[in-house]
Each structure stands twice: as structure tokens, then as C-alpha cells.
């Protein structure tokens, strides 16, 4: 192993890029014990659920992964998205107009309010949580080590205890009032009845019991066993609609991924209702233009205009394809991409100046990428939604449940509206890029900002030969269906001035999205490389 920094490294046996040092270290430990990239990614995702429970969790609502098998060359999409309980329906929330008070998920993303934020916090916000099933299925289908070995790094973490740290402490402090509404959450997250300090050591005893049960009984116990019954019963008693039947019936999906090409690179993305389709659409449109370097204002201008078009399609057409007729093949076709950018090709300096009020983009999500010397590559995104998801905790188990229901539109009659059994649309851009010389697993947290940043990262890797570390750490842009355009303050001032001269409404910001994570298999010599805004580890 050579050339290692906190954010990048080269390895020979296995590499993992993740949220933090402890999480990446769990993956490295698995490589040392003889595991493959899938074992390492599963263990790192589970460790992330322990170390960063505000961003994801054992009860997190989502895991989406793209898996490349080194021996066969096959690529798969693993979808462990939450599903709405069977009793859910599109009129289950009291929806009203946006008020004058503080703005949250409903106001930012759906331009409405919901009484008591019932779809965001509390038992009615809980759908069947998919993260545990995603971790389990990743290991079960492609892993090598015994399941208890996958759980052990997380068990050691809770047994030893760890400092809350500033980010987790800040999440708890910011949600203290909501946490205190739910006694089990207060017991779990407010030791001694108070907001912890960053230096306090946390020993989550309920979560330790849960992890021991998972190690002994297997991951499926979370759905059809003792743990699954505890999850469903606690939600039901508190007034939610989740049942034991909903939990026991849950199965993650393993299918062919979505595919497209960007120049000479094959792009493979997790299927709907996950987010890669929109990134792939944007890349299809950008392929109509000659590559421009990031030092050229056109690199940023073309990206902004194309992303507006892709977002309008996203908000108009996309939802769970089990419930909505989504024209996936058409949206990913070269003909459709050419038609969408026809005016921009004719008038390359044109700026669509429509205003857009919606916000969003709270980076309470995590991503793990891993690769090994056998050519196995995995990209996996895991999340609670916003911080601590529903903030509802299973008593005595330390399982904070994600709020999958708030990722469905609370307003009736829309592609992403609530329905029993429906999977919510999300923004994750979990992808694998197959370049002529390397395979790259790529992903990141960041809410709606994932789409734009993921598009820029892929362009840098394909058009400019960036490593995953260079792409993860590079300056960023974000725009949704219309302006303003967020431009990270690390972008050269001349670029900002050039965009404004064209007519863009530019907002300079310090951060756009969260820590990206990439892992690469280098085909020529079988080498490995990892890069992340968080941390990397490996052998």
C-alpha cells in the first residue's frame, strides 16, 4: 500500500471510502480477515449506522447499491428502499398551505405544510425500513465471511463506546424538543436526561442488544423475527400504521441496473425510485456538447442549464414504477436528450432565468464505496432521511426508525403521492462508471444537491481523467428546476463573474452536499484506489 492520505489511497487487496475513520476502518478490518468488497461494504454500512445514527441507522429507511461482480462482469442494482405500510393512503395527512413559521421538509420540497409534521416525525412517518435488508442482502448474495463477522465491528464499537462528537451532538441539540416527545428516543439519545457534550462517551446499551440479536439470529430477524415484531408493535401502539405483516413481507429487490453511455463510459445506476436516472439524463444531454475544462465558464453554464431540464422531468414524471408509468427508456434515449438540448445547442449562451423557490438538501445520508483485487466493486448509499429520521425509537432496542413516509409527496394525485406499498422517490445517485481503464463506484449524501454534484463528478472522471478523490473534493454547483444557482465559494471568482454576465443568478455558498466516496478497480494492473470527502481505508 502506498500514497495514503486521509482522503485518498492506493491499495492492493481492498479499499473502502466512507463517512469517517471508524466506518472505513470497519471495512479495512473485514479485508484483513479475508472478506471481499461486499463483506467490507456491508460491515462499513452497519458501522456507519452505529457511529452516525443521525444520518442513517439500523432502522434507516433506505439502502441503494450498485454491485459489479469481478468474476462475471455482471452488474446489479440492489434496491432496499422503504415501502409504505399497506394501510397507508394518499389522504392520511392533514395537508395545508405553507405558513409563516419555520420551513421544513414539506415546505421546502412539496410547497405545503402537514399538521404536526406527522409525515416527518413520529409513528406515522415510519415506513418499512429498508437499510437493514440492504446490508443483509448485499452480504448474503455476494459476501464471503460468516454473518457474525460482519456485525462484530459494530458490536465492538458500541461495547467500547465512542465520543458523541460535534456533528452528532449538534443533531441531538437541534432536535431536542422533538426527541423529548418520544420517551424511548429521549432515553436513547439524551443520557442522564440531558443533551450530551461532544466529549461525552456513548454506550448505547439498547443498540448493543439489537446488534447481538442480529449477529445470533441473522439479518432477517429484523423483519420476520423478534426484532421485526418489536419494531411493528412499537409503531402500532404509538398510533402508526406499520404492522407485523408489513415487516415480514419486505424483500429487497435485485435487478438489472439502468444503463446509459457518456462518451466512451458505461454508466450503471440503481433503479427507480432511486436517483441515478436523473444524473444519467443530465449526462446524456451533456454528451451533446464538446467537453470543456472546469476553468471554462461553459463547463458550469452547460451543467446548470441541463440540470434544470433534468429536474423538470424528474418532478413531472418520476415515482415508484410499480405505481406510476415512468417512461424510463425514453428518458434515457439519445433522441430524447438531443431534443431536450436542441435550443441550448442553437443558443449556447442562453440562460433560462425562471425562479424556483424550493430548497432542500439536508445532508443526513451516508455513502460507502469499496473495491477489491478480484475486481469486485460496490457503491452503497444508506440514509435515515433527515437527521434521526422519524425520531421515533423502538423501546429498549436503540433502533431509531427512518421517516420513509416523508419522502412520499403528502399531496394527493401526484406521481410520488402516498399509497400502500409504495416506495418513495429519493435523490441518491448510487452508480458505477465503467471506463476503458477502470471501474469506479461513486456516491454521496446531500439531498437534492446529490443530483448536480453527481453529474459534475462523473464529468470530471470521464472528461478530465479525475480520480475519485479529485472528483469528490472538487468545487461544486447546484441548481434544481430553475435559479438561483448555488456555486461553492471554492469556485474561481472569474467563473462566478462569467456566469453572472451570462445572466445566471449566482449564490456563493460554503458547502454543496456532503462527503462523496469513490472506490476504483484499475484494470491494467489490478490496482485499487479510493477517494472520499470523508475517510478511506484498506490494504
Protein backbone atom coordinates (compact mmCIF):
# COMPACT_ATOMS: atom_id res chain seq x y z
CA UNK A 1 0.00 0.00 0.00
CA UNK A 2 1.34 3.45 -0.94
CA UNK A 3 0.32 7.09 -1.27
CA UNK A 4 -2.18 7.22 1.58
CA UNK A 5 -3.77 10.41 2.92
CA UNK A 6 -6.99 10.82 4.93
CA UNK A 7 -8.95 11.35 1.69
CA UNK A 8 -7.18 9.12 -0.84
CA UNK A 9 -5.15 5.94 -1.05
CA UNK A 10 -3.84 3.22 -3.33
CA UNK A 11 -4.22 -0.41 -2.23
CA UNK A 12 -3.52 -3.94 -3.45
CA UNK A 13 -6.11 -6.10 -1.63
CA UNK A 14 -9.11 -3.92 -0.85
CA UNK A 15 -10.11 -0.30 -0.36
CA UNK A 16 -13.14 1.40 1.20
CA UNK A 17 -14.25 5.04 1.20
CA UNK A 18 -16.77 6.12 3.80
CA UNK A 19 -18.13 8.77 6.14
CA UNK A 20 -15.45 8.64 8.84
CA UNK A 21 -12.32 6.86 10.02
CA UNK A 22 -14.17 4.41 12.28
CA UNK A 23 -16.53 3.42 9.46
CA UNK A 24 -13.80 2.99 6.86
CA UNK A 25 -11.79 1.11 9.47
CA UNK A 26 -14.59 -1.44 9.85
CA UNK A 27 -14.26 -2.21 6.15
CA UNK A 28 -10.47 -2.46 6.39
CA UNK A 29 -10.84 -4.91 9.28
CA UNK A 30 -13.00 -7.13 7.10
CA UNK A 31 -10.39 -7.12 4.34
CA UNK A 32 -7.76 -8.18 6.90
CA UNK A 33 -9.99 -11.10 7.90
CA UNK A 34 -10.24 -12.33 4.30
CA UNK A 35 -13.50 -10.70 3.26
CA UNK A 36 -14.25 -9.27 -0.17
CA UNK A 37 -15.51 -5.83 -1.18
CA UNK A 38 -19.13 -6.81 -0.50
CA UNK A 39 -18.33 -8.02 3.02
CA UNK A 40 -16.38 -4.82 3.66
CA UNK A 41 -19.14 -2.57 2.34
CA UNK A 42 -21.78 -4.37 4.42
CA UNK A 43 -19.70 -4.10 7.60
CA UNK A 44 -18.89 -0.44 6.92
CA UNK A 45 -22.57 0.39 6.30
CA UNK A 46 -23.54 -1.28 9.58
CA UNK A 47 -20.76 0.53 11.45
CA UNK A 48 -21.94 3.78 9.91
CA UNK A 49 -25.43 3.05 11.29
CA UNK A 50 -23.87 2.84 14.75
CA UNK A 51 -21.42 5.73 14.57
CA UNK A 52 -23.61 8.20 12.67
CA UNK A 53 -27.19 7.41 13.74
CA UNK A 54 -28.43 10.87 12.79
CA UNK A 55 -27.54 10.21 9.15
CA UNK A 56 -28.52 6.55 8.85
CA UNK A 57 -29.25 3.63 11.15
CA UNK A 58 -30.17 0.01 11.72
CA UNK A 59 -33.72 1.33 11.25
CA UNK A 60 -32.79 3.62 8.35
CA UNK A 61 -35.33 3.86 5.57
CA UNK A 62 -33.09 3.20 2.58
CA UNK A 63 -30.15 1.35 1.14
CA UNK A 64 -29.45 1.54 -2.59
CA UNK A 65 -26.44 -0.17 -4.13
CA UNK A 66 -24.87 -0.95 -7.47
CA UNK A 67 -22.77 -4.12 -7.46
CA UNK A 68 -20.15 -5.17 -10.02
CA UNK A 69 -19.12 -8.84 -9.85
CA UNK A 70 -15.44 -9.15 -10.70
CA UNK A 71 -15.57 -12.75 -11.87
CA UNK A 72 -18.57 -12.48 -14.20
CA UNK A 73 -18.58 -8.79 -15.08
CA UNK A 74 -22.29 -8.69 -14.22
CA UNK A 75 -23.70 -5.54 -12.68
CA UNK A 76 -26.74 -5.42 -10.40
CA UNK A 77 -28.97 -2.84 -8.79
CA UNK A 78 -29.85 -3.60 -5.16
CA UNK A 79 -32.92 -1.65 -4.07
CA UNK A 80 -33.81 -1.72 -0.38
CA UNK A 81 -35.98 1.35 -0.38
CA UNK A 82 -38.67 1.78 2.27
CA UNK A 83 -42.20 0.74 1.41
CA UNK A 84 -45.26 2.49 2.75
CA UNK A 85 -47.34 0.30 5.09
CA UNK A 86 -50.23 -1.47 3.37
CA UNK A 87 -52.71 0.72 5.26
CA UNK A 88 -51.15 3.98 4.03
CA UNK A 89 -53.24 6.12 1.67
CA UNK A 90 -52.87 9.47 -0.05
CA UNK A 91 -55.27 11.29 2.30
CA UNK A 92 -53.67 10.13 5.56
CA UNK A 93 -52.09 13.51 6.35
CA UNK A 94 -53.74 16.87 7.01
CA UNK A 95 -52.17 18.97 4.26
CA UNK A 96 -52.35 22.77 4.24
CA UNK A 97 -50.64 25.79 2.65
CA UNK A 98 -47.18 26.98 3.60
CA UNK A 99 -47.39 29.10 6.73
CA UNK A 100 -45.35 32.00 8.02
CA UNK A 101 -43.34 29.91 10.51
CA UNK A 102 -40.09 27.96 10.09
CA UNK A 103 -39.76 25.96 6.88
CA UNK A 104 -39.10 22.23 6.91
CA UNK A 105 -39.22 19.24 4.57
CA UNK A 106 -42.83 19.75 3.49
CA UNK A 107 -42.41 23.44 2.81
CA UNK A 108 -39.07 23.02 1.03
CA UNK A 109 -39.86 20.01 -1.10
CA UNK A 110 -43.66 19.89 -1.52
CA UNK A 111 -44.68 23.55 -1.14
CA UNK A 112 -47.19 22.69 1.58
CA UNK A 113 -47.48 22.10 5.31
CA UNK A 114 -48.60 18.97 7.17
CA UNK A 115 -50.32 19.15 10.55
CA UNK A 116 -47.88 18.29 13.37
CA UNK A 117 -45.33 17.36 10.66
CA UNK A 118 -46.84 13.89 11.06
CA UNK A 119 -45.14 12.57 7.94
CA UNK A 120 -41.73 13.76 9.20
CA UNK A 121 -41.62 12.99 12.94
CA UNK A 122 -43.39 10.28 14.90
CA UNK A 123 -45.01 6.90 14.22
CA UNK A 124 -47.00 7.99 11.14
CA UNK A 125 -43.71 8.92 9.46
CA UNK A 126 -42.43 5.33 9.61
CA UNK A 127 -42.49 3.11 6.53
CA UNK A 128 -40.95 -0.38 6.40
CA UNK A 129 -37.25 0.46 6.97
CA UNK A 130 -35.05 -0.90 4.18
CA UNK A 131 -31.48 -0.23 5.26
CA UNK A 132 -31.00 -3.41 7.29
CA UNK A 133 -32.36 -5.54 4.45
CA UNK A 134 -30.00 -3.87 2.01
CA UNK A 135 -26.96 -4.58 4.19
CA UNK A 136 -28.08 -8.15 4.75
CA UNK A 137 -28.85 -8.84 1.09
CA UNK A 138 -25.51 -7.38 -0.03
CA UNK A 139 -23.68 -9.78 2.27
CA UNK A 140 -26.00 -12.75 1.67
CA UNK A 141 -25.76 -12.73 -2.12
CA UNK A 142 -22.17 -11.61 -2.66
CA UNK A 143 -20.28 -11.81 0.64
CA UNK A 144 -17.83 -14.45 1.78
CA UNK A 145 -17.39 -14.26 5.56
CA UNK A 146 -19.89 -15.58 8.12
CA UNK A 147 -22.57 -13.03 9.01
CA UNK A 148 -21.49 -12.62 12.68
CA UNK A 149 -18.10 -11.37 11.42
CA UNK A 150 -19.91 -8.60 9.51
CA UNK A 151 -21.68 -7.48 12.70
CA UNK A 152 -18.68 -7.75 15.02
CA UNK A 153 -17.01 -4.39 14.22
CA UNK A 154 -20.25 -2.63 15.11
CA UNK A 155 -20.65 -4.69 18.28
CA UNK A 156 -17.13 -3.77 19.34
CA UNK A 157 -17.88 -0.13 18.64
CA UNK A 158 -20.91 0.03 20.95
CA UNK A 159 -19.27 -2.16 23.62
CA UNK A 160 -16.21 0.10 23.79
CA UNK A 161 -18.27 3.27 23.49
CA UNK A 162 -17.30 6.33 21.48
CA UNK A 163 -17.45 10.12 21.86
CA UNK A 164 -20.61 11.71 20.56
CA UNK A 165 -18.52 14.20 18.61
CA UNK A 166 -19.63 17.61 17.42
CA UNK A 167 -21.82 16.67 14.40
CA UNK A 168 -23.88 14.08 16.31
CA UNK A 169 -24.15 16.30 19.37
CA UNK A 170 -25.34 19.18 17.20
CA UNK A 171 -28.01 16.98 15.60
CA UNK A 172 -29.27 15.96 19.04
CA UNK A 173 -29.28 19.53 20.32
CA UNK A 174 -31.12 20.78 17.25
CA UNK A 175 -33.88 18.19 17.69
CA UNK A 176 -34.03 18.12 21.47
CA UNK A 177 -37.68 19.23 21.60
CA UNK A 178 -38.74 16.51 19.14
CA UNK A 179 -36.63 13.86 20.89
CA UNK A 180 -38.32 14.62 24.21
CA UNK A 181 -41.73 13.90 22.66
CA UNK A 182 -40.81 10.20 22.49
CA UNK A 183 -39.66 8.63 25.78
CA UNK A 184 -37.65 5.84 24.16
CA UNK A 185 -35.83 8.37 21.98
CA UNK A 186 -35.04 10.55 24.98
CA UNK A 187 -33.69 7.54 26.88
CA UNK A 188 -31.53 6.53 23.91
CA UNK A 189 -30.24 9.93 22.77
CA UNK A 190 -30.25 12.02 25.96
CA UNK A 191 -28.14 10.12 28.50
CA UNK A 192 -28.93 11.28 32.04
CA UNK A 193 -31.80 13.28 30.58
CA UNK A 194 -29.65 15.98 29.01
CA UNK A 195 -28.11 16.89 25.68
CA UNK A 196 -24.64 15.29 25.74
CA UNK A 197 -21.46 17.23 25.17
CA UNK A 198 -19.28 16.30 22.19
CA UNK A 199 -16.70 14.72 24.51
CA UNK A 200 -19.17 12.50 26.37
CA UNK A 201 -18.75 8.78 25.69
CA UNK A 202 -21.82 6.98 24.42
CA UNK A 203 -22.64 3.36 25.30
CA UNK A 204 -25.97 2.71 23.56
CA UNK A 205 -27.00 -0.38 25.51
CA UNK A 206 -30.27 -0.95 23.66
CA UNK A 207 -28.49 -0.90 20.31
CA UNK A 208 -25.93 -3.37 21.66
CA UNK A 209 -28.78 -5.79 22.45
CA UNK A 210 -30.10 -5.33 18.92
CA UNK A 211 -26.72 -6.00 17.33
CA UNK A 212 -26.23 -9.14 19.42
CA UNK A 213 -29.64 -10.37 18.29
CA UNK A 214 -28.76 -9.65 14.66
CA UNK A 215 -25.44 -11.50 14.97
CA UNK A 216 -27.12 -14.55 16.50
CA UNK A 217 -30.40 -14.71 14.56
CA UNK A 218 -29.40 -13.18 11.22
CA UNK A 219 -30.46 -10.00 9.47
CA UNK A 220 -33.89 -11.33 8.51
CA UNK A 221 -34.87 -11.33 12.17
CA UNK A 222 -35.22 -7.58 11.76
CA UNK A 223 -38.23 -8.27 9.52
CA UNK A 224 -39.85 -11.60 10.37
CA UNK A 225 -38.44 -12.36 13.82
CA UNK A 226 -38.21 -10.93 17.30
CA UNK A 227 -36.80 -7.60 16.16
CA UNK A 228 -39.36 -7.19 13.39
CA UNK A 229 -42.20 -7.75 15.81
CA UNK A 230 -40.71 -5.25 18.25
CA UNK A 231 -40.44 -2.61 15.50
CA UNK A 232 -44.01 -3.09 14.25
CA UNK A 233 -45.61 -3.32 17.67
CA UNK A 234 -43.92 -0.18 18.98
CA UNK A 235 -45.06 1.85 15.96
CA UNK A 236 -48.58 0.46 16.09
CA UNK A 237 -49.02 1.12 19.82
CA UNK A 238 -47.88 4.72 19.28
CA UNK A 239 -50.51 5.34 16.57
CA UNK A 240 -48.70 4.43 13.36
CA UNK A 241 -50.00 2.12 10.62
CA UNK A 242 -46.97 -0.18 10.26
CA UNK A 243 -47.80 -3.84 11.03
CA UNK A 244 -46.01 -7.12 11.61
CA UNK A 245 -47.28 -8.24 8.20
CA UNK A 246 -45.68 -5.20 6.53
CA UNK A 247 -42.34 -6.03 8.14
CA UNK A 248 -42.41 -9.77 7.38
CA UNK A 249 -43.37 -9.23 3.73
CA UNK A 250 -40.47 -6.89 2.97
CA UNK A 251 -37.88 -8.07 0.44
CA UNK A 252 -35.14 -6.01 -1.21
CA UNK A 253 -35.04 -6.11 -5.00
CA UNK A 254 -32.06 -7.26 -7.06
CA UNK A 255 -32.45 -6.36 -10.74
CA UNK A 256 -30.56 -5.18 -13.77
CA UNK A 257 -29.43 -1.57 -13.26
CA UNK A 258 -30.26 1.34 -15.51
CA UNK A 259 -27.66 1.77 -18.23
CA UNK A 260 -26.52 4.58 -20.47
CA UNK A 261 -23.28 5.77 -22.04
CA UNK A 262 -21.49 9.05 -21.51
CA UNK A 263 -18.90 9.31 -24.27
CA UNK A 264 -16.87 6.07 -24.01
CA UNK A 265 -18.01 5.25 -20.47
CA UNK A 266 -20.86 2.95 -19.48
CA UNK A 267 -22.89 4.44 -16.63
CA UNK A 268 -24.83 1.99 -14.43
CA UNK A 269 -27.25 3.28 -11.85
CA UNK A 270 -29.60 1.99 -9.18
CA UNK A 271 -33.17 1.73 -10.46
CA UNK A 272 -36.13 3.92 -9.58
CA UNK A 273 -37.30 5.20 -7.25
CA UNK A 274 -33.61 5.94 -6.56
CA UNK A 275 -31.98 8.99 -8.12
CA UNK A 276 -29.40 7.91 -10.74
CA UNK A 277 -31.83 8.16 -13.66
CA UNK A 278 -31.77 11.96 -13.36
CA UNK A 279 -27.95 12.07 -13.26
CA UNK A 280 -27.86 9.77 -16.28
CA UNK A 281 -30.32 12.03 -18.12
CA UNK A 282 -28.15 15.05 -17.41
CA UNK A 283 -25.06 13.24 -18.68
CA UNK A 284 -26.89 12.18 -21.83
CA UNK A 285 -27.67 15.82 -22.55
CA UNK A 286 -24.14 17.00 -21.73
CA UNK A 287 -22.76 14.42 -24.17
CA UNK A 288 -24.22 16.59 -26.95
CA UNK A 289 -21.59 19.27 -26.14
CA UNK A 290 -17.84 19.20 -26.62
CA UNK A 291 -16.02 18.72 -23.29
CA UNK A 292 -14.98 21.95 -21.58
CA UNK A 293 -12.47 22.18 -18.71
CA UNK A 294 -13.63 23.38 -15.27
CA UNK A 295 -11.63 26.57 -15.90
CA UNK A 296 -14.07 27.42 -18.72
CA UNK A 297 -17.37 29.07 -17.79
CA UNK A 298 -19.10 26.74 -20.28
CA UNK A 299 -18.36 23.74 -18.03
CA UNK A 300 -20.58 25.32 -15.38
CA UNK A 301 -23.12 27.04 -17.64
CA UNK A 302 -23.98 23.94 -19.68
CA UNK A 303 -24.26 21.87 -16.49
CA UNK A 304 -26.66 24.39 -14.93
CA UNK A 305 -28.93 24.57 -17.96
CA UNK A 306 -29.02 20.80 -18.47
CA UNK A 307 -29.73 20.16 -14.78
CA UNK A 308 -32.76 22.46 -14.93
CA UNK A 309 -34.17 20.35 -17.76
CA UNK A 310 -33.43 17.07 -15.98
CA UNK A 311 -35.05 18.31 -12.75
CA UNK A 312 -38.22 19.37 -14.56
CA UNK A 313 -38.52 15.86 -15.96
CA UNK A 314 -37.80 14.42 -12.53
CA UNK A 315 -40.53 16.41 -10.81
CA UNK A 316 -43.03 15.78 -13.62
CA UNK A 317 -42.62 12.06 -14.34
CA UNK A 318 -40.74 10.13 -11.67
CA UNK A 319 -42.08 7.91 -8.91
CA UNK A 320 -42.24 4.24 -7.97
CA UNK A 321 -42.62 2.44 -11.35
CA UNK A 322 -44.75 -0.21 -9.61
CA UNK A 323 -47.39 2.52 -9.25
CA UNK A 324 -46.58 5.11 -11.94
CA UNK A 325 -45.96 4.66 -15.65
CA UNK A 326 -42.47 6.18 -15.92
CA UNK A 327 -41.07 6.38 -19.49
CA UNK A 328 -37.59 5.21 -18.43
CA UNK A 329 -36.43 4.03 -21.86
CA UNK A 330 -37.49 7.29 -23.47
CA UNK A 331 -35.93 9.46 -20.76
CA UNK A 332 -32.59 7.65 -21.20
CA UNK A 333 -32.60 7.67 -25.00
CA UNK A 334 -30.14 9.67 -27.09
CA UNK A 335 -33.01 11.03 -29.19
CA UNK A 336 -34.79 12.44 -26.16
CA UNK A 337 -31.56 14.00 -24.84
CA UNK A 338 -30.88 15.63 -28.20
CA UNK A 339 -34.39 17.06 -28.32
CA UNK A 340 -34.16 18.45 -24.80
CA UNK A 341 -30.98 20.45 -25.54
CA UNK A 342 -31.82 21.47 -29.11
CA UNK A 343 -32.42 25.12 -28.16
CA UNK A 344 -29.33 25.23 -25.97
CA UNK A 345 -27.20 23.89 -28.81
CA UNK A 346 -28.55 26.61 -31.10
CA UNK A 347 -28.13 29.34 -28.48
CA UNK A 348 -25.31 28.07 -26.23
CA UNK A 349 -25.14 31.25 -24.11
CA UNK A 350 -28.87 31.29 -23.30
CA UNK A 351 -29.88 31.22 -19.62
CA UNK A 352 -33.32 30.05 -18.53
CA UNK A 353 -34.00 32.65 -15.85
CA UNK A 354 -37.13 31.27 -14.26
CA UNK A 355 -37.06 31.49 -10.48
CA UNK A 356 -37.50 28.50 -8.21
CA UNK A 357 -38.33 28.74 -4.52
CA UNK A 358 -37.96 25.16 -3.31
CA UNK A 359 -34.92 24.35 -1.16
CA UNK A 360 -33.99 21.05 0.45
CA UNK A 361 -30.68 19.30 0.63
CA UNK A 362 -30.03 18.44 4.24
CA UNK A 363 -27.05 16.07 4.07
CA UNK A 364 -28.28 13.46 6.58
CA UNK A 365 -27.22 10.47 4.48
CA UNK A 366 -24.03 8.42 4.16
CA UNK A 367 -22.27 6.57 1.37
CA UNK A 368 -19.80 3.67 1.23
CA UNK A 369 -17.79 2.59 -1.82
CA UNK A 370 -15.50 -0.44 -1.86
CA UNK A 371 -13.35 -2.40 -4.30
CA UNK A 372 -11.07 -5.43 -4.09
CA UNK A 373 -8.31 -7.11 -6.07
CA UNK A 374 -10.78 -9.59 -7.58
CA UNK A 375 -12.44 -6.73 -9.46
CA UNK A 376 -15.49 -6.58 -7.20
CA UNK A 377 -16.82 -3.05 -6.88
CA UNK A 378 -19.77 -1.78 -4.83
CA UNK A 379 -21.41 1.60 -4.38
CA UNK A 380 -23.90 1.79 -1.48
CA UNK A 381 -25.94 4.70 -0.12
CA UNK A 382 -27.72 4.50 3.25
CA UNK A 383 -29.95 7.02 4.99
CA UNK A 384 -32.43 7.94 7.70
CA UNK A 385 -33.72 10.83 5.57
CA UNK A 386 -33.24 13.99 7.61
CA UNK A 387 -31.49 13.90 10.98
CA UNK A 388 -32.68 10.88 13.01
CA UNK A 389 -35.49 10.26 10.50
CA UNK A 390 -38.79 9.93 12.33
CA UNK A 391 -37.00 10.48 15.70
CA UNK A 392 -39.13 7.54 16.89
CA UNK A 393 -37.15 4.84 18.72
CA UNK A 394 -38.11 1.23 19.44
CA UNK A 395 -38.15 0.99 23.25
CA UNK A 396 -35.20 -0.89 24.74
CA UNK A 397 -33.66 -1.59 21.32
CA UNK A 398 -31.91 1.64 20.37
CA UNK A 399 -33.44 1.45 16.88
CA UNK A 400 -34.24 4.94 15.61
CA UNK A 401 -36.60 4.49 12.67
CA UNK A 402 -36.24 6.37 9.40
CA UNK A 403 -39.04 8.54 8.05
CA UNK A 404 -39.61 6.94 4.68
CA UNK A 405 -43.14 8.35 4.53
CA UNK A 406 -41.90 11.95 4.25
CA UNK A 407 -40.10 11.05 1.03
CA UNK A 408 -43.54 10.47 -0.49
CA UNK A 409 -45.48 13.58 -1.53
CA UNK A 410 -48.20 14.25 1.09
CA UNK A 411 -50.34 15.93 -1.58
CA UNK A 412 -52.73 13.58 -3.42
CA UNK A 413 -52.77 12.96 -7.15
CA UNK A 414 -49.05 13.17 -7.95
CA UNK A 415 -46.54 10.59 -9.24
CA UNK A 416 -44.87 10.39 -5.82
CA UNK A 417 -48.05 10.62 -3.68
CA UNK A 418 -48.68 8.24 -0.77
CA UNK A 419 -50.07 4.75 -1.46
CA UNK A 420 -49.94 1.46 0.41
CA UNK A 421 -46.80 -0.49 -0.50
CA UNK A 422 -45.29 2.36 -2.50
CA UNK A 423 -41.57 3.17 -2.47
CA UNK A 424 -40.65 6.87 -2.13
CA UNK A 425 -38.67 8.79 -4.71
CA UNK A 426 -35.22 9.69 -3.42
CA UNK A 427 -32.18 11.60 -4.63
CA UNK A 428 -29.32 9.12 -4.14
CA UNK A 429 -27.07 8.76 -7.18
CA UNK A 430 -25.56 5.36 -6.40
CA UNK A 431 -23.63 4.46 -9.58
CA UNK A 432 -20.77 2.52 -11.12
CA UNK A 433 -18.83 4.01 -14.04
CA UNK A 434 -17.07 1.55 -16.37
CA UNK A 435 -14.32 3.44 -18.15
CA UNK A 436 -11.98 1.69 -20.60
CA UNK A 437 -9.21 1.54 -17.98
CA UNK A 438 -11.05 1.41 -14.64
CA UNK A 439 -14.30 0.73 -12.81
CA UNK A 440 -15.42 3.42 -10.36
CA UNK A 441 -18.05 3.11 -7.62
CA UNK A 442 -19.45 6.54 -6.83
CA UNK A 443 -21.97 8.09 -4.46
CA UNK A 444 -22.58 10.78 -1.84
CA UNK A 445 -25.07 12.30 0.62
CA UNK A 446 -26.66 15.72 0.26
CA UNK A 447 -30.40 15.57 -0.50
CA UNK A 448 -31.37 17.29 -3.73
CA UNK A 449 -27.82 18.54 -4.20
CA UNK A 450 -26.69 14.97 -4.92
CA UNK A 451 -28.04 15.15 -8.47
CA UNK A 452 -25.97 18.14 -9.57
CA UNK A 453 -22.79 17.15 -7.73
CA UNK A 454 -23.02 13.57 -9.00
CA UNK A 455 -23.29 14.87 -12.56
CA UNK A 456 -20.21 17.08 -12.12
CA UNK A 457 -18.22 14.26 -10.52
CA UNK A 458 -18.96 11.90 -13.41
CA UNK A 459 -17.96 14.58 -15.94
CA UNK A 460 -14.66 15.21 -14.16
CA UNK A 461 -13.86 11.49 -14.08
CA UNK A 462 -14.78 10.81 -17.71
CA UNK A 463 -13.85 14.05 -19.48
CA UNK A 464 -10.85 15.09 -17.41
CA UNK A 465 -9.41 11.85 -16.02
CA UNK A 466 -10.03 12.79 -12.38
CA UNK A 467 -9.51 10.20 -9.69
CA UNK A 468 -12.41 9.55 -7.34
CA UNK A 469 -10.59 11.65 -4.70
CA UNK A 470 -10.15 14.57 -7.08
CA UNK A 471 -13.80 14.38 -8.11
CA UNK A 472 -15.01 14.11 -4.51
CA UNK A 473 -13.03 17.14 -3.36
CA UNK A 474 -13.56 19.37 -6.40
CA UNK A 475 -15.67 22.59 -6.30
CA UNK A 476 -19.41 22.15 -6.83
CA UNK A 477 -22.58 23.66 -8.25
CA UNK A 478 -26.26 23.05 -7.53
CA UNK A 479 -29.49 24.02 -9.26
CA UNK A 480 -32.94 22.41 -9.38
CA UNK A 481 -35.70 23.32 -11.86
CA UNK A 482 -34.73 26.96 -12.04
CA UNK A 483 -32.47 29.56 -10.47
CA UNK A 484 -30.85 30.69 -8.20
CA UNK A 485 -27.73 28.68 -8.89
CA UNK A 486 -25.62 27.70 -5.87
CA UNK A 487 -21.90 27.96 -6.56
CA UNK A 488 -19.41 26.75 -3.96
CA UNK A 489 -17.12 29.53 -2.78
CA UNK A 490 -14.08 27.46 -3.82
CA UNK A 491 -15.03 28.04 -7.48
CA UNK A 492 -12.82 30.73 -9.02
CA UNK A 493 -14.30 34.22 -8.85
CA UNK A 494 -13.84 34.62 -12.58
CA UNK A 495 -16.22 31.71 -13.19
CA UNK A 496 -18.84 33.31 -10.93
CA UNK A 497 -18.48 36.62 -12.77
CA UNK A 498 -18.75 34.86 -16.11
CA UNK A 499 -21.93 33.07 -15.09
CA UNK A 500 -23.45 36.32 -13.86
CA UNK A 501 -22.51 38.01 -17.13
CA UNK A 502 -24.47 35.36 -18.98
CA UNK A 503 -27.49 36.13 -16.79
CA UNK A 504 -27.32 33.48 -14.06
CA UNK A 505 -28.47 34.36 -10.54
CA UNK A 506 -25.47 33.11 -8.55
CA UNK A 507 -25.41 32.45 -4.81
CA UNK A 508 -21.96 31.75 -3.35
CA UNK A 509 -22.14 29.10 -0.62
CA UNK A 510 -19.58 27.35 1.55
CA UNK A 511 -20.94 23.83 1.07
CA UNK A 512 -22.86 21.94 -1.61
CA UNK A 513 -23.86 18.45 -0.46
CA UNK A 514 -21.98 16.05 1.77
CA UNK A 515 -18.91 13.80 1.66
CA UNK A 516 -18.65 11.89 -1.61
CA UNK A 517 -16.97 8.47 -1.65
CA UNK A 518 -15.43 6.58 -4.56
CA UNK A 519 -13.57 3.30 -4.97
CA UNK A 520 -11.78 2.20 -8.14
CA UNK A 521 -10.52 -1.04 -9.66
CA UNK A 522 -7.70 -0.33 -12.13
CA UNK A 523 -7.94 -2.98 -14.82
CA UNK A 524 -4.43 -2.90 -16.28
CA UNK A 525 -2.54 -3.94 -13.13
CA UNK A 526 -5.37 -4.93 -10.84
CA UNK A 527 -4.61 -1.98 -8.57
CA UNK A 528 -7.08 -0.28 -6.29
CA UNK A 529 -7.74 3.34 -5.43
CA UNK A 530 -10.15 5.10 -3.08
CA UNK A 531 -11.08 8.73 -2.53
CA UNK A 532 -13.54 10.49 -0.28
CA UNK A 533 -14.51 13.76 1.30
CA UNK A 534 -14.73 11.63 4.47
CA UNK A 535 -12.10 8.95 5.05
CA UNK A 536 -10.54 6.00 3.26
CA UNK A 537 -9.00 2.72 4.47
CA UNK A 538 -7.78 -0.54 3.04
CA UNK A 539 -4.84 -2.79 2.31
